[in-house]
Amino acid sequence: MVREKILLVDDEPGLSAFLEEVVREEGFRAQKVQSAAEALAALEVDSFQLVITDLRMPEMDGLELLRKIRESDPQIGVIVMTAFASLETAVEALRLGAMDYITKPLHVQEIQVVLRKAAESLELKRENRRLKAKLDEPTGEPKIIGNSAETKSLLELVRRVAPSDSTILITGESGTGKELIAQVLHHNSERTHGEFVTVNCAALPDTLLESELFGHRRGSFTGAVRDKDGLFKVASGGTLFLDEIGDMSPSLQVKLLRALQEREVLPIGATKPVKIDVRVIAATNADLENKQLTGEFRPDLYYRLSVIPIHIKSLRERRADIHDLAEFFLERACKKMNVSLKRFSPEAMEKLLQYSWPGNVRELENAIERIVILSDHEVIDVSGLPERFGGSIGPVVQTSRMPATRTLDDVEKSYLLQVLEESGWQKKRASEILGIDPSTIYRKLQRYGIKPPQ
């Protein structure tokens, strides 16, 4: 079920507690702060879909907070609270982009109506963004670049299994190109004319992921104002790609297993199951065999998913691909930036070949895009590379001499710290560099106990 996370901003503790009670009774998650400054700090470290703020507050008022939220993240909905005598201020807030307003003194029924409207609006925006992303996707056959023995072997396996309708589990470190392999499998299957639908199982809370996958019926929960097909239904006749499947909760694993076994799903609030016709490809960077031992992942689901297992090796295990990938990404970045075609000097290319690429192909692609943006020369030499490629002070030396006892978690933590430092600890910018959802950044910071410098 959909459960938006709401940030409540009010300097009156009694009113804030009352509002929190109403919000929670409606089924939403809530966090309280007492000032606009505290609200901005909370938005920096956590992910909220909705902010409800008083307009009259000391130091920074609600209108200024609204402006700052709209500047930093226009996707966050804002509802303002105002006294009846100050409705002109509420109108100004609407003009600045607020979703709605609530008048004081607060009434439970009014709050409920406004919350339900906001939940519906946010859900529609999510669907619109997904549809727009689908329309913006480049057409044509996805390409796997590389001539290493490892990549040739991978391509041969993909060619052989693509025509089948069997479930496939793709494993590999973050950034190795698991979604690209899934796209190639879809493109070369009998379902190529159907939809290729992607969902990141780690980016959504359980309740929202259940609704996204299986759909829901009108009135089944707060904000469910109309029937909605789940992605299993949307992908009918095509392929459903379940990314980061290792982060799925045990309760959802049971429902996914049933969907795979019975070829049907039960939308939230429905009494009859819906038949599905979809090929499922799952991917993970987690050790699912270990997760089975710890009870975090169901063995029966693992065997159901891994009918055909495909493992993608890290970029440091297939260095012969780096040259071709670097030239491919360089040409593509130049076209994207509408600049004349550039090339790497032999010395610069050697630096790229020596680096261990803990972020794999994704890190290489993002690094080259930054290089193109910052370079004014047709030939990119060593001086035109980021600092970490330029000598002994960069991470090149550290990662290339990485002890064998170092775990993947250690590598990921070090790389995450490196990107955060490069981005000035701007989490949204870091997520763009890494090519992951901002919510994944927040989750990894908590997992590794990483805190920004004071």
Protein backbone atom coordinates (compact mmCIF):
# COMPACT_ATOMS: atom_id res chain seq x y z
CA MET A 1 0.00 0.00 0.00
CA VAL A 2 1.12 3.57 -0.70
CA ARG A 3 2.48 5.30 2.39
CA GLU A 4 3.88 8.76 1.72
CA LYS A 5 6.44 10.06 4.23
CA ILE A 6 5.41 13.50 5.48
CA LEU A 7 7.51 16.18 7.17
CA LEU A 8 5.49 18.35 9.59
CA VAL A 9 6.85 21.85 10.24
CA ASP A 10 5.31 23.95 13.04
CA ASP A 11 6.74 25.84 16.01
CA GLU A 12 3.70 25.03 18.20
CA PRO A 13 4.30 21.59 19.79
CA GLY A 14 0.64 21.02 20.68
CA LEU A 15 -0.64 21.74 17.18
CA SER A 16 2.18 19.70 15.66
CA ALA A 17 1.32 16.70 17.86
CA PHE A 18 -2.35 16.94 16.87
CA LEU A 19 -1.46 17.08 13.19
CA GLU A 20 0.90 14.12 13.55
CA GLU A 21 -1.86 12.05 15.13
CA VAL A 22 -4.28 12.79 12.27
CA VAL A 23 -1.61 12.07 9.65
CA ARG A 24 -0.66 8.75 11.21
CA GLU A 25 -4.31 7.71 11.59
CA GLU A 26 -4.65 8.22 7.84
CA GLY A 27 -1.85 5.69 7.39
CA PHE A 28 1.02 8.03 6.52
CA ARG A 29 4.48 8.10 8.08
CA ALA A 30 5.40 11.39 9.75
CA GLN A 31 8.31 13.30 11.26
CA LYS A 32 8.00 16.56 13.23
CA VAL A 33 10.35 19.56 13.26
CA GLN A 34 9.83 22.99 14.85
CA SER A 35 11.47 25.37 12.37
CA ALA A 36 12.17 25.88 8.69
CA ALA A 37 15.89 25.42 9.32
CA GLU A 38 15.24 22.03 10.94
CA ALA A 39 13.03 21.13 7.99
CA LEU A 40 15.77 21.88 5.45
CA ALA A 41 18.23 19.83 7.51
CA ALA A 42 15.79 16.89 7.63
CA LEU A 43 15.24 17.07 3.86
CA GLU A 44 18.99 16.88 3.34
CA VAL A 45 19.38 13.57 5.18
CA ASP A 46 16.07 11.82 4.51
CA SER A 47 13.56 11.38 1.71
CA PHE A 48 10.07 12.91 2.06
CA GLN A 49 7.28 13.01 -0.50
CA LEU A 50 5.24 15.71 1.24
CA VAL A 51 5.86 18.68 3.57
CA ILE A 52 3.11 20.32 5.64
CA THR A 53 4.31 23.66 7.00
CA ASP A 54 2.92 26.57 8.96
CA LEU A 55 3.26 29.91 7.20
CA ARG A 56 3.97 32.03 10.26
CA MET A 57 7.25 30.97 11.90
CA PRO A 58 10.17 32.94 13.37
CA GLU A 59 13.45 33.43 11.46
CA MET A 60 12.28 31.78 8.21
CA ASP A 61 8.58 31.73 7.33
CA GLY A 62 6.67 29.08 5.42
CA LEU A 63 6.79 30.93 2.10
CA GLU A 64 10.57 31.10 2.16
CA LEU A 65 10.74 27.42 3.09
CA LEU A 66 8.40 26.66 0.17
CA ARG A 67 10.70 28.57 -2.22
CA LYS A 68 13.77 26.67 -1.02
CA ILE A 69 12.04 23.29 -1.32
CA ARG A 70 10.84 24.09 -4.84
CA GLU A 71 14.39 25.11 -5.81
CA SER A 72 16.05 22.00 -4.37
CA ASP A 73 13.48 19.33 -5.28
CA PRO A 74 10.32 20.27 -7.22
CA GLN A 75 9.01 16.70 -6.84
CA ILE A 76 8.30 17.21 -3.12
CA GLY A 77 4.71 18.28 -2.50
CA VAL A 78 4.11 21.17 -0.07
CA ILE A 79 0.90 21.95 1.85
CA VAL A 80 0.72 25.16 3.88
CA MET A 81 -1.27 25.93 7.03
CA THR A 82 -2.70 29.42 7.52
CA ALA A 83 -5.25 31.28 9.63
CA PHE A 84 -8.53 32.05 7.83
CA ALA A 85 -7.72 35.78 8.04
CA SER A 86 -4.50 35.23 6.05
CA LEU A 87 -5.93 33.48 3.02
CA GLU A 88 -4.18 35.91 0.68
CA THR A 89 -0.89 34.43 1.92
CA ALA A 90 -2.18 30.96 1.13
CA VAL A 91 -3.01 32.12 -2.40
CA GLU A 92 0.56 33.43 -2.72
CA ALA A 93 1.81 30.00 -1.58
CA LEU A 94 -0.28 28.31 -4.28
CA ARG A 95 1.19 30.69 -6.84
CA LEU A 96 4.68 29.67 -5.70
CA GLY A 97 3.89 25.99 -6.22
CA ALA A 98 2.19 24.70 -3.06
CA MET A 99 -0.20 21.78 -3.69
CA ASP A 100 -2.90 22.94 -1.27
CA TYR A 101 -3.53 24.72 2.02
CA ILE A 102 -5.20 23.94 5.35
CA THR A 103 -6.92 26.65 7.39
CA LYS A 104 -6.57 27.17 11.14
CA PRO A 105 -8.03 26.22 13.49
CA LEU A 106 -7.39 22.74 12.18
CA HIS A 107 -10.29 20.37 11.49
CA VAL A 108 -9.75 16.63 11.15
CA GLN A 109 -12.07 16.25 8.15
CA GLU A 110 -10.37 19.04 6.18
CA ILE A 111 -6.94 17.57 6.88
CA GLN A 112 -8.12 14.14 5.72
CA VAL A 113 -9.52 15.50 2.45
CA VAL A 114 -6.37 17.50 1.68
CA LEU A 115 -4.11 14.53 2.48
CA ARG A 116 -6.07 12.19 0.21
CA LYS A 117 -5.98 14.70 -2.65
CA ALA A 118 -2.23 15.13 -2.16
CA ALA A 119 -1.65 11.36 -2.16
CA GLU A 120 -3.58 11.03 -5.43
CA SER A 121 -1.67 13.91 -7.00
CA LEU A 122 1.72 12.47 -6.00
CA GLU A 123 0.74 9.08 -7.40
CA LEU A 124 -0.27 10.66 -10.72
CA LYS A 125 3.04 12.55 -10.87
CA ARG A 126 4.93 9.31 -10.31
CA GLU A 127 3.07 7.63 -13.15
CA ASN A 128 3.65 10.62 -15.43
CA ARG A 129 7.39 10.57 -14.69
CA ARG A 130 7.53 6.87 -15.44
CA LEU A 131 5.69 7.34 -18.74
CA LYS A 132 7.90 10.28 -19.69
CA ALA A 133 11.01 8.26 -18.91
CA LYS A 134 9.65 5.52 -21.13
CA LEU A 135 9.05 7.97 -24.00
CA ASP A 136 12.52 9.49 -23.54
CA GLU A 137 14.27 6.13 -23.77
CA PRO A 138 16.46 5.88 -26.86
CA THR A 139 15.21 3.41 -29.43
CA GLY A 140 17.30 0.86 -31.23
CA GLU A 141 19.18 -2.24 -30.17
CA PRO A 142 21.08 -1.95 -26.88
CA LYS A 143 24.81 -2.49 -27.38
CA ILE A 144 27.30 -4.39 -25.24
CA ILE A 145 30.78 -2.98 -25.79
CA GLY A 146 33.91 -5.05 -25.28
CA ASN A 147 36.16 -7.64 -26.88
CA SER A 148 37.56 -9.37 -23.83
CA ALA A 149 37.24 -13.15 -23.57
CA GLU A 150 34.90 -12.64 -20.61
CA THR A 151 32.56 -10.36 -22.58
CA LYS A 152 32.57 -12.62 -25.63
CA SER A 153 31.60 -15.56 -23.41
CA LEU A 154 28.85 -13.47 -21.82
CA LEU A 155 27.47 -12.43 -25.21
CA GLU A 156 27.40 -16.04 -26.39
CA LEU A 157 25.43 -17.07 -23.30
CA VAL A 158 23.00 -14.16 -23.79
CA ARG A 159 22.52 -15.11 -27.44
CA ARG A 160 21.69 -18.70 -26.51
CA VAL A 161 19.22 -18.01 -23.68
CA ALA A 162 17.46 -14.88 -25.00
CA PRO A 163 14.88 -16.73 -27.17
CA SER A 164 13.67 -18.86 -24.24
CA ASP A 165 10.98 -17.66 -21.86
CA SER A 166 12.78 -18.87 -18.74
CA THR A 167 13.32 -16.66 -15.71
CA ILE A 168 16.86 -15.26 -15.51
CA LEU A 169 18.88 -14.04 -12.52
CA ILE A 170 21.69 -11.61 -13.36
CA THR A 171 24.36 -11.11 -10.69
CA GLY A 172 27.32 -8.78 -10.51
CA GLU A 173 28.70 -5.77 -8.69
CA SER A 174 26.95 -2.41 -8.84
CA GLY A 175 27.60 -0.65 -12.14
CA THR A 176 28.55 -3.70 -14.20
CA GLY A 177 25.62 -3.31 -16.60
CA LYS A 178 23.00 -5.75 -15.36
CA GLU A 179 20.09 -3.71 -16.76
CA LEU A 180 21.82 -3.45 -20.14
CA ILE A 181 22.12 -7.25 -20.27
CA ALA A 182 18.42 -7.51 -19.39
CA GLN A 183 17.59 -5.12 -22.25
CA VAL A 184 19.65 -7.19 -24.69
CA LEU A 185 17.88 -10.35 -23.53
CA HIS A 186 14.50 -8.68 -24.10
CA HIS A 187 15.51 -7.26 -27.49
CA ASN A 188 16.59 -10.70 -28.73
CA SER A 189 13.59 -12.58 -27.34
CA GLU A 190 10.18 -13.43 -28.78
CA ARG A 191 8.84 -10.60 -26.59
CA THR A 192 10.87 -7.87 -28.26
CA HIS A 193 7.73 -6.01 -29.41
CA GLY A 194 6.32 -5.99 -25.88
CA GLU A 195 7.15 -3.60 -23.05
CA PHE A 196 10.45 -3.71 -21.15
CA VAL A 197 9.45 -2.50 -17.68
CA THR A 198 11.98 -1.80 -14.92
CA VAL A 199 11.43 -1.52 -11.19
CA ASN A 200 14.14 -0.94 -8.56
CA CYS A 201 13.12 -3.06 -5.58
CA ALA A 202 15.47 -1.16 -3.25
CA ALA A 203 14.23 2.32 -4.16
CA LEU A 204 10.66 1.86 -2.93
CA PRO A 205 9.29 1.06 0.54
CA ASP A 206 7.55 -2.30 0.88
CA THR A 207 4.02 -0.96 0.80
CA LEU A 208 4.58 1.12 -2.32
CA LEU A 209 6.52 -1.67 -4.05
CA GLU A 210 3.62 -4.07 -3.49
CA SER A 211 1.22 -1.63 -5.14
CA GLU A 212 3.66 -0.95 -7.99
CA LEU A 213 4.17 -4.65 -8.75
CA PHE A 214 0.71 -6.10 -8.23
CA GLY A 215 -1.62 -3.08 -8.55
CA HIS A 216 -4.52 -2.09 -6.33
CA ARG A 217 -8.26 -1.56 -6.34
CA ARG A 218 -10.05 1.69 -5.65
CA GLY A 219 -10.61 2.30 -1.93
CA SER A 220 -8.18 -0.40 -0.81
CA PHE A 221 -6.12 2.16 1.14
CA THR A 222 -5.71 5.89 1.72
CA GLY A 223 -5.15 7.62 -1.62
CA ALA A 224 -6.40 4.71 -3.74
CA VAL A 225 -9.02 6.77 -5.55
CA ARG A 226 -8.99 4.61 -8.68
CA ASP A 227 -7.97 1.15 -9.86
CA LYS A 228 -4.35 0.81 -10.88
CA ASP A 229 -2.66 -1.97 -12.85
CA GLY A 230 0.58 -3.27 -11.37
CA LEU A 231 3.79 -3.54 -13.37
CA PHE A 232 3.23 -7.28 -13.85
CA LYS A 233 0.11 -6.32 -15.81
CA VAL A 234 1.72 -3.31 -17.53
CA ALA A 235 4.52 -5.57 -18.81
CA SER A 236 2.06 -8.14 -20.19
CA GLY A 237 3.49 -9.65 -23.37
CA GLY A 238 6.90 -8.23 -22.55
CA THR A 239 9.61 -8.37 -19.90
CA LEU A 240 9.60 -7.24 -16.26
CA PHE A 241 13.07 -6.41 -14.92
CA LEU A 242 13.30 -6.59 -11.12
CA ASP A 243 16.49 -4.76 -10.15
CA GLU A 244 18.10 -5.16 -6.70
CA ILE A 245 15.88 -8.16 -5.95
CA GLY A 246 18.08 -9.00 -2.96
CA ASP A 247 16.59 -6.06 -1.04
CA MET A 248 13.01 -7.32 -1.29
CA SER A 249 11.32 -8.02 2.05
CA PRO A 250 10.40 -11.61 3.05
CA SER A 251 6.66 -10.82 2.87
CA LEU A 252 6.93 -9.57 -0.72
CA GLN A 253 9.17 -12.51 -1.63
CA VAL A 254 6.24 -14.82 -0.82
CA LYS A 255 3.92 -12.88 -3.15
CA LEU A 256 6.52 -12.75 -5.90
CA LEU A 257 7.05 -16.50 -5.63
CA ARG A 258 3.32 -17.08 -5.99
CA ALA A 259 3.21 -14.81 -9.06
CA LEU A 260 6.03 -16.77 -10.70
CA GLN A 261 4.52 -20.15 -9.86
CA GLU A 262 0.87 -19.47 -10.62
CA ARG A 263 1.38 -16.87 -13.39
CA GLU A 264 -1.15 -14.63 -11.68
CA VAL A 265 -1.17 -11.72 -9.22
CA LEU A 266 -3.68 -10.50 -6.64
CA PRO A 267 -3.95 -6.68 -6.63
CA ILE A 268 -4.32 -5.02 -3.22
CA GLY A 269 -8.00 -4.96 -2.32
CA ALA A 270 -8.99 -7.45 -5.04
CA THR A 271 -10.80 -10.73 -4.44
CA LYS A 272 -9.91 -12.40 -7.73
CA PRO A 273 -6.38 -12.92 -9.11
CA VAL A 274 -5.33 -11.48 -12.47
CA LYS A 275 -3.56 -13.67 -15.03
CA ILE A 276 -0.18 -12.42 -16.24
CA ASP A 277 1.92 -13.14 -19.32
CA VAL A 278 5.38 -11.76 -18.68
CA ARG A 279 9.00 -12.86 -18.64
CA VAL A 280 10.80 -11.98 -15.42
CA ILE A 281 14.47 -11.05 -15.31
CA ALA A 282 15.88 -10.27 -11.87
CA ALA A 283 19.21 -8.73 -10.89
CA THR A 284 21.19 -8.21 -7.72
CA ASN A 285 24.62 -7.21 -6.46
CA ALA A 286 23.97 -9.07 -3.20
CA ASP A 287 25.18 -12.55 -2.25
CA LEU A 288 21.83 -14.35 -2.37
CA GLU A 289 23.33 -17.67 -1.34
CA ASN A 290 24.57 -16.07 1.89
CA LYS A 291 21.22 -14.30 2.35
CA GLN A 292 19.55 -17.71 2.21
CA LEU A 293 21.74 -18.92 5.07
CA THR A 294 20.83 -15.86 7.17
CA GLY A 295 17.13 -16.24 6.39
CA GLU A 296 16.93 -12.96 4.45
CA PHE A 297 16.09 -14.60 1.12
CA ARG A 298 13.82 -17.56 0.42
CA PRO A 299 15.60 -20.57 -1.13
CA ASP A 300 12.47 -21.52 -3.12
CA LEU A 301 12.33 -18.03 -4.67
CA TYR A 302 16.06 -18.14 -5.41
CA TYR A 303 15.69 -21.41 -7.34
CA ARG A 304 12.62 -20.08 -9.15
CA LEU A 305 14.48 -16.93 -10.23
CA SER A 306 17.78 -18.54 -11.17
CA VAL A 307 16.50 -20.97 -13.79
CA ILE A 308 19.20 -19.40 -15.96
CA PRO A 309 21.92 -17.62 -13.93
CA ILE A 310 24.10 -15.00 -15.63
CA HIS A 311 27.07 -13.48 -13.81
CA ILE A 312 28.73 -10.28 -15.06
CA LYS A 313 32.35 -9.90 -14.04
CA SER A 314 33.63 -6.60 -12.65
CA LEU A 315 35.47 -4.23 -14.97
CA ARG A 316 38.78 -4.89 -13.15
CA GLU A 317 38.35 -8.57 -14.09
CA ARG A 318 37.99 -7.72 -17.78
CA ARG A 319 40.43 -4.85 -18.30
CA ALA A 320 40.64 -5.62 -22.01
CA ASP A 321 37.22 -3.94 -22.34
CA ILE A 322 38.27 -0.60 -20.81
CA HIS A 323 39.83 0.80 -24.01
CA ASP A 324 36.77 0.10 -26.18
CA LEU A 325 34.36 1.30 -23.49
CA ALA A 326 36.32 4.51 -22.92
CA GLU A 327 36.31 5.37 -26.63
CA PHE A 328 32.60 4.53 -26.93
CA PHE A 329 31.64 6.70 -23.94
CA LEU A 330 33.92 9.51 -25.14
CA GLU A 331 32.27 9.63 -28.56
CA ARG A 332 28.79 9.47 -27.03
CA ALA A 333 29.55 12.21 -24.49
CA CYS A 334 30.91 14.51 -27.21
CA LYS A 335 27.71 14.05 -29.23
CA LYS A 336 25.59 14.61 -26.14
CA MET A 337 27.44 17.85 -25.28
CA ASN A 338 27.45 18.91 -28.95
CA VAL A 339 31.23 19.41 -28.98
CA SER A 340 33.85 18.33 -31.51
CA LEU A 341 35.07 14.76 -31.18
CA LYS A 342 37.91 14.33 -28.68
CA ARG A 343 40.42 11.56 -28.09
CA PHE A 344 42.62 10.35 -25.25
CA SER A 345 46.40 10.62 -25.39
CA PRO A 346 48.21 7.26 -24.96
CA GLU A 347 49.33 8.35 -21.48
CA ALA A 348 45.78 9.28 -20.43
CA MET A 349 44.40 6.01 -21.77
CA GLU A 350 47.08 4.13 -19.82
CA LYS A 351 45.89 5.83 -16.62
CA LEU A 352 42.34 4.69 -17.34
CA LEU A 353 43.58 1.14 -17.98
CA GLN A 354 45.52 1.07 -14.69
CA TYR A 355 42.63 2.23 -12.50
CA SER A 356 40.66 -0.49 -10.69
CA TRP A 357 37.17 1.03 -11.32
CA PRO A 358 35.35 0.02 -8.11
CA GLY A 359 32.20 1.58 -9.60
CA ASN A 360 32.67 -0.49 -12.77
CA VAL A 361 31.24 0.58 -16.14
CA ARG A 362 28.93 3.17 -14.58
CA GLU A 363 31.90 4.91 -12.94
CA LEU A 364 33.82 4.88 -16.23
CA GLU A 365 30.88 6.38 -18.13
CA ASN A 366 30.29 9.14 -15.57
CA ALA A 367 34.01 9.93 -15.29
CA ILE A 368 34.32 10.38 -19.05
CA GLU A 369 31.24 12.60 -19.20
CA ARG A 370 32.81 14.89 -16.58
CA ILE A 371 36.10 14.85 -18.48
CA VAL A 372 34.35 16.02 -21.67
CA ILE A 373 32.52 18.79 -19.80
CA LEU A 374 35.74 20.13 -18.26
CA SER A 375 38.12 19.64 -21.20
CA ASP A 376 38.87 22.42 -23.70
CA HIS A 377 41.29 20.38 -25.80
CA GLU A 378 40.81 17.95 -28.65
CA VAL A 379 43.39 15.59 -27.16
CA ILE A 380 42.75 14.73 -23.51
CA ASP A 381 46.04 14.15 -21.71
CA VAL A 382 46.74 13.15 -18.11
CA SER A 383 46.27 16.72 -16.87
CA GLY A 384 42.71 16.62 -18.20
CA LEU A 385 41.79 13.60 -16.06
CA PRO A 386 40.24 13.79 -12.58
CA GLU A 387 42.68 13.95 -9.67
CA ARG A 388 42.34 10.30 -8.81
CA PHE A 389 43.95 9.37 -12.13
CA GLY A 390 46.81 11.85 -11.92
CA GLY A 391 49.40 10.39 -9.53
CA SER A 392 50.22 8.98 -6.14
CA ILE A 393 47.75 11.17 -4.23
CA GLY A 394 44.77 9.67 -6.07
CA PRO A 395 42.86 6.50 -5.21
CA VAL A 396 44.48 4.73 -8.17
CA VAL A 397 47.39 3.58 -6.03
CA GLN A 398 45.13 2.63 -3.14
CA THR A 399 42.70 0.52 -5.14
CA SER A 400 45.27 -1.14 -7.38
CA ARG A 401 47.06 -2.48 -4.30
CA MET A 402 43.89 -3.46 -2.50
CA PRO A 403 44.51 -6.34 -0.06
CA ALA A 404 42.80 -9.59 -0.94
CA THR A 405 41.12 -9.61 2.47
CA ARG A 406 39.18 -6.43 1.74
CA THR A 407 35.45 -7.07 1.28
CA LEU A 408 33.13 -5.65 -1.38
CA ASP A 409 31.45 -3.64 1.38
CA ASP A 410 34.81 -2.03 2.14
CA VAL A 411 35.29 -1.18 -1.53
CA GLU A 412 31.77 0.23 -1.85
CA LYS A 413 32.13 2.31 1.32
CA SER A 414 35.47 3.77 0.16
CA TYR A 415 34.08 4.59 -3.27
CA LEU A 416 30.95 6.16 -1.78
CA LEU A 417 33.11 8.37 0.47
CA GLN A 418 35.24 9.35 -2.52
CA VAL A 419 32.23 10.43 -4.61
CA LEU A 420 30.68 12.29 -1.66
CA GLU A 421 33.91 14.22 -1.14
CA GLU A 422 34.15 15.02 -4.87
CA SER A 423 30.54 16.27 -4.86
CA GLY A 424 31.02 18.40 -1.75
CA TRP A 425 28.75 16.03 0.22
CA GLN A 426 25.77 16.95 -1.96
CA LYS A 427 23.86 13.69 -1.80
CA LYS A 428 21.69 14.38 -4.83
CA ARG A 429 24.76 15.22 -6.92
CA ALA A 430 26.50 12.08 -5.63
CA SER A 431 23.51 9.96 -6.64
CA GLU A 432 23.67 11.45 -10.17
CA ILE A 433 27.40 10.65 -10.43
CA LEU A 434 26.83 7.09 -9.22
CA GLY A 435 23.72 6.68 -11.37
CA ILE A 436 21.59 5.48 -8.45
CA ASP A 437 18.43 6.67 -6.74
CA PRO A 438 18.94 9.27 -3.94
CA SER A 439 17.10 6.97 -1.52
CA THR A 440 19.80 4.35 -2.13
CA ILE A 441 22.45 6.91 -1.10
CA TYR A 442 20.64 7.59 2.17
CA ARG A 443 20.26 3.88 2.87
CA LYS A 444 23.95 3.18 2.25
CA LEU A 445 25.00 6.10 4.47
CA GLN A 446 22.99 4.57 7.30
CA ARG A 447 24.29 1.08 6.54
CA TYR A 448 27.93 2.14 6.71
CA GLY A 449 27.47 4.73 9.46
CA ILE A 450 28.81 7.51 7.22
CA LYS A 451 28.21 11.04 8.48
CA PRO A 452 29.12 14.33 6.76
CA PRO A 453 32.07 16.29 8.20
CA GLN A 454 31.11 18.91 10.77
